[in-house]
Protein backbone atom coordinates (compact mmCIF):
# COMPACT_ATOMS: atom_id res chain seq x y z
CA MET A 1 5.57 -31.89 -16.35
CA SER A 2 7.40 -30.60 -19.38
CA PHE A 3 8.57 -27.01 -19.66
CA LEU A 4 6.05 -26.44 -22.47
CA SER A 5 3.08 -27.64 -20.40
CA PHE A 6 4.35 -25.59 -17.44
CA THR A 7 4.52 -22.38 -19.51
CA GLN A 8 1.12 -23.11 -21.05
CA SER A 9 -0.37 -23.46 -17.58
CA LEU A 10 1.06 -20.04 -16.66
CA ALA A 11 -0.99 -18.48 -19.47
CA PHE A 12 -4.14 -19.07 -17.42
CA ILE A 13 -2.92 -17.16 -14.40
CA THR A 14 -4.63 -13.80 -14.09
CA VAL A 15 -2.71 -10.54 -13.81
CA LYS A 16 -3.84 -10.20 -10.20
CA ASP A 17 -2.57 -13.71 -9.43
CA LYS A 18 0.75 -12.89 -11.06
CA LEU A 19 1.01 -9.75 -8.91
CA PHE A 20 0.20 -11.82 -5.84
CA ILE A 21 2.96 -14.29 -6.74
CA MET A 22 5.36 -11.37 -7.26
CA LEU A 23 4.37 -9.91 -3.86
CA TRP A 24 4.98 -13.24 -2.16
CA ALA A 25 8.32 -13.67 -3.94
CA SER A 26 9.35 -10.13 -2.97
CA LEU A 27 8.41 -10.73 0.65
CA PHE A 28 10.30 -14.03 0.65
CA LEU A 29 13.45 -12.53 -0.83
CA LEU A 30 13.34 -9.55 1.50
CA SER A 31 12.88 -11.79 4.50
CA LEU A 32 15.80 -14.14 3.82
CA ASN A 33 18.29 -12.03 5.76
CA GLY A 34 16.05 -9.25 6.99
CA TYR A 35 15.68 -5.95 5.18
CA SER A 36 18.60 -4.20 6.83
CA GLN A 37 21.37 -6.07 5.01
CA SER A 38 20.38 -5.32 1.45
CA HIS A 39 17.51 -2.82 1.48
CA THR A 40 16.62 0.15 3.63
CA GLU A 41 13.42 0.14 5.66
CA TYR A 42 11.73 2.68 3.41
CA GLU A 43 12.78 0.93 0.19
CA VAL A 44 10.89 -2.13 1.43
CA LYS A 45 7.91 -0.03 2.54
CA ALA A 46 7.79 1.68 -0.87
CA VAL A 47 7.50 -1.72 -2.57
CA TYR A 48 4.78 -2.75 -0.13
CA ILE A 49 2.77 0.43 -0.77
CA TYR A 50 2.91 -0.09 -4.52
CA ASN A 51 1.87 -3.73 -4.14
CA PHE A 52 -0.96 -2.89 -1.72
CA ALA A 53 -2.51 -0.75 -4.45
CA HIS A 54 -2.95 -3.84 -6.62
CA PHE A 55 -4.91 -5.68 -3.93
CA ILE A 56 -7.30 -2.90 -2.94
CA LYS A 57 -10.26 -2.01 -5.17
CA TRP A 58 -11.29 1.61 -5.61
CA SER A 59 -14.60 2.33 -7.30
CA ASP A 60 -14.63 4.21 -10.59
CA SER A 61 -16.14 7.19 -8.73
CA ALA A 62 -12.82 7.56 -6.86
CA PHE A 63 -11.42 9.06 -10.09
CA GLU A 64 -12.62 12.31 -11.64
CA GLN A 65 -11.82 11.17 -15.18
CA PRO A 66 -10.98 7.78 -16.73
CA ASP A 67 -7.40 9.02 -17.18
CA SER A 68 -7.08 10.74 -13.78
CA PRO A 69 -3.94 9.79 -11.87
CA PHE A 70 -3.84 7.35 -9.00
CA VAL A 71 -2.43 9.54 -6.21
CA ILE A 72 -0.17 8.32 -3.43
CA GLY A 73 0.21 10.98 -0.76
CA VAL A 74 2.91 11.17 1.89
CA LEU A 75 2.05 13.26 4.95
CA GLY A 76 4.64 14.60 7.37
CA GLY A 77 7.85 14.69 5.42
CA ASN A 78 9.44 12.48 2.78
CA VAL A 79 10.98 9.49 4.55
CA PHE A 80 11.26 7.58 1.27
CA ASP A 81 13.95 9.72 -0.42
CA SER A 82 13.56 8.72 -4.10
CA HIS A 83 12.56 5.10 -3.42
CA LEU A 84 8.82 5.57 -3.89
CA GLU A 85 9.37 7.37 -7.21
CA GLU A 86 11.69 4.58 -8.37
CA VAL A 87 9.16 1.87 -7.53
CA ILE A 88 6.22 3.53 -9.33
CA LYS A 89 8.10 4.86 -12.35
CA ASP A 90 6.12 4.08 -15.53
CA GLU A 91 3.62 1.95 -13.56
CA LYS A 92 -0.18 2.13 -13.45
CA ILE A 93 -2.87 1.15 -10.96
CA GLN A 94 -6.23 0.11 -12.42
CA ASP A 95 -5.10 1.72 -15.73
CA HIS A 96 -4.37 5.04 -14.01
CA PRO A 97 -0.90 6.64 -14.08
CA ILE A 98 0.58 6.98 -10.60
CA GLN A 99 1.40 10.37 -9.10
CA ILE A 100 3.07 11.06 -5.75
CA LYS A 101 2.28 14.14 -3.67
CA TYR A 102 4.11 15.19 -0.53
CA PHE A 103 2.24 17.09 2.18
CA LYS A 104 3.99 18.83 5.07
CA ASN A 105 0.78 19.19 7.08
CA ILE A 106 -2.88 18.24 7.06
CA LYS A 107 -3.94 21.58 5.55
CA GLU A 108 -2.07 20.69 2.35
CA VAL A 109 -3.67 17.26 1.96
CA GLN A 110 -5.83 16.93 -1.12
CA ASN A 111 -7.70 13.95 -2.46
CA CYS A 112 -5.50 10.92 -2.81
CA HIS A 113 -6.07 7.19 -3.03
CA ILE A 114 -3.33 6.13 -0.64
CA LEU A 115 -2.02 8.30 2.18
CA PHE A 116 1.13 7.26 4.00
CA ILE A 117 1.36 9.10 7.31
CA ASN A 118 4.88 9.46 8.68
CA LYS A 119 5.05 8.05 12.22
CA SER A 120 6.58 11.29 13.47
CA TYR A 121 3.54 13.28 12.32
CA ARG A 122 0.90 13.33 15.05
CA ILE A 123 -2.64 13.73 13.77
CA SER A 124 -6.14 12.50 14.39
CA LEU A 125 -7.20 10.15 11.60
CA GLN A 126 -10.66 11.67 11.81
CA ASP A 127 -9.10 14.94 10.57
CA VAL A 128 -7.64 13.04 7.61
CA TYR A 129 -10.93 11.35 6.74
CA THR A 130 -12.79 14.66 7.05
CA ARG A 131 -10.28 16.42 4.78
CA ILE A 132 -10.40 13.83 1.98
CA SER A 133 -13.77 13.23 0.39
CA SER A 134 -13.08 10.04 -1.56
CA PRO A 135 -12.07 6.69 -0.04
CA VAL A 136 -8.41 6.75 0.96
CA LEU A 137 -6.26 3.84 2.09
CA THR A 138 -4.33 5.07 5.14
CA ILE A 139 -0.95 3.52 5.89
CA SER A 140 1.56 4.31 8.62
CA ASP A 141 4.35 2.83 10.68
CA ALA A 142 3.11 4.54 13.85
CA ASN A 143 2.39 2.38 16.87
CA ASN A 144 -1.33 1.88 17.56
CA PHE A 145 -2.22 3.10 14.06
CA THR A 146 -4.74 0.34 13.37
CA GLU A 147 -6.22 0.79 16.84
CA SER A 148 -6.99 4.41 15.87
CA SER A 149 -8.93 3.44 12.69
CA GLY A 150 -5.83 3.35 10.52
CA MET A 151 -6.05 0.76 7.77
CA ILE A 152 -2.54 -0.67 7.34
CA ARG A 153 0.30 -0.47 9.85
CA PHE A 154 3.88 -1.45 9.18
CA TYR A 155 5.77 -3.05 12.04
CA THR A 156 9.10 -4.81 12.43
CA GLU A 157 9.44 -8.30 13.83
CA ASP A 158 12.65 -10.35 13.77
CA GLN A 159 14.27 -7.68 11.55
CA LYS A 160 11.52 -8.13 8.97
CA ILE A 161 8.96 -5.55 7.94
CA LYS A 162 5.46 -6.91 8.26
CA PHE A 163 2.03 -5.35 8.08
CA GLU A 164 -1.21 -5.40 9.98
CA ILE A 165 -4.59 -4.65 8.38
CA ASN A 166 -7.66 -3.23 10.08
CA ALA A 167 -10.13 -4.87 7.69
CA GLU A 168 -13.07 -3.25 9.46
CA ALA A 169 -11.68 0.25 8.80
CA VAL A 170 -10.95 -0.62 5.17
CA ALA A 171 -14.49 -1.92 4.63
CA ALA A 172 -16.03 1.10 6.39
CA SER A 173 -14.24 3.38 3.91
CA GLY A 174 -15.87 1.71 0.92
CA LEU A 175 -12.64 0.13 -0.30
CA GLU A 176 -12.44 -3.58 -1.04
CA VAL A 177 -9.38 -5.53 0.11
CA SER A 178 -8.43 -8.75 -1.66
CA SER A 179 -8.65 -11.92 0.37
CA LYS A 180 -5.18 -12.74 -0.95
CA LEU A 181 -3.74 -9.72 0.83
CA LEU A 182 -5.68 -10.52 4.00
CA ARG A 183 -4.19 -14.03 4.02
CA ILE A 184 -0.62 -12.75 4.31
CA ALA A 185 -1.36 -9.92 6.76
CA LYS A 186 -1.68 -9.88 10.50
CA LEU A 187 -5.31 -8.90 11.06
CA TYR A 188 -6.14 -6.29 13.67
CA THR A 189 -9.07 -7.24 15.84
CA PRO A 190 -10.46 -4.75 18.36
């Protein structure tokens, strides 16, 4: 195959497929020597969160206006330092600019599309779902998160950050998860 025919074949790859390839490449590069040697745990998790947003479908009704921001919330203290802001800088999700909001406690939580819950913050997920009216993708690195109706849980195995998806909880929220993301995740089964 010549270089020209190779580059022409790339023209037919959809944006979502290109993002999937980038996610796979990122995961491969991060896993070569484990995250600890070149990237911090929360740098890696910030990249994952941004990439998850490209493989989850929110309905148009999840946004007040066509130009409303896509909101990523962090509950229970900022464990990301500036890494999350660096990852999302000048990026968009489904043509929406991305905004990050930090919440110290559940009373501060407002509508957001993704909510990362710090593992040190103890809360009932039912309180989160009651507080937020639109579908929200919940993510945490807390043990047993997916068992408690959480949607995505980070965990570490062989010095690599991996993730588990509770597909049933995602579907129950009205969000649609891409089969491509499900293929690379550990699936939680009750």
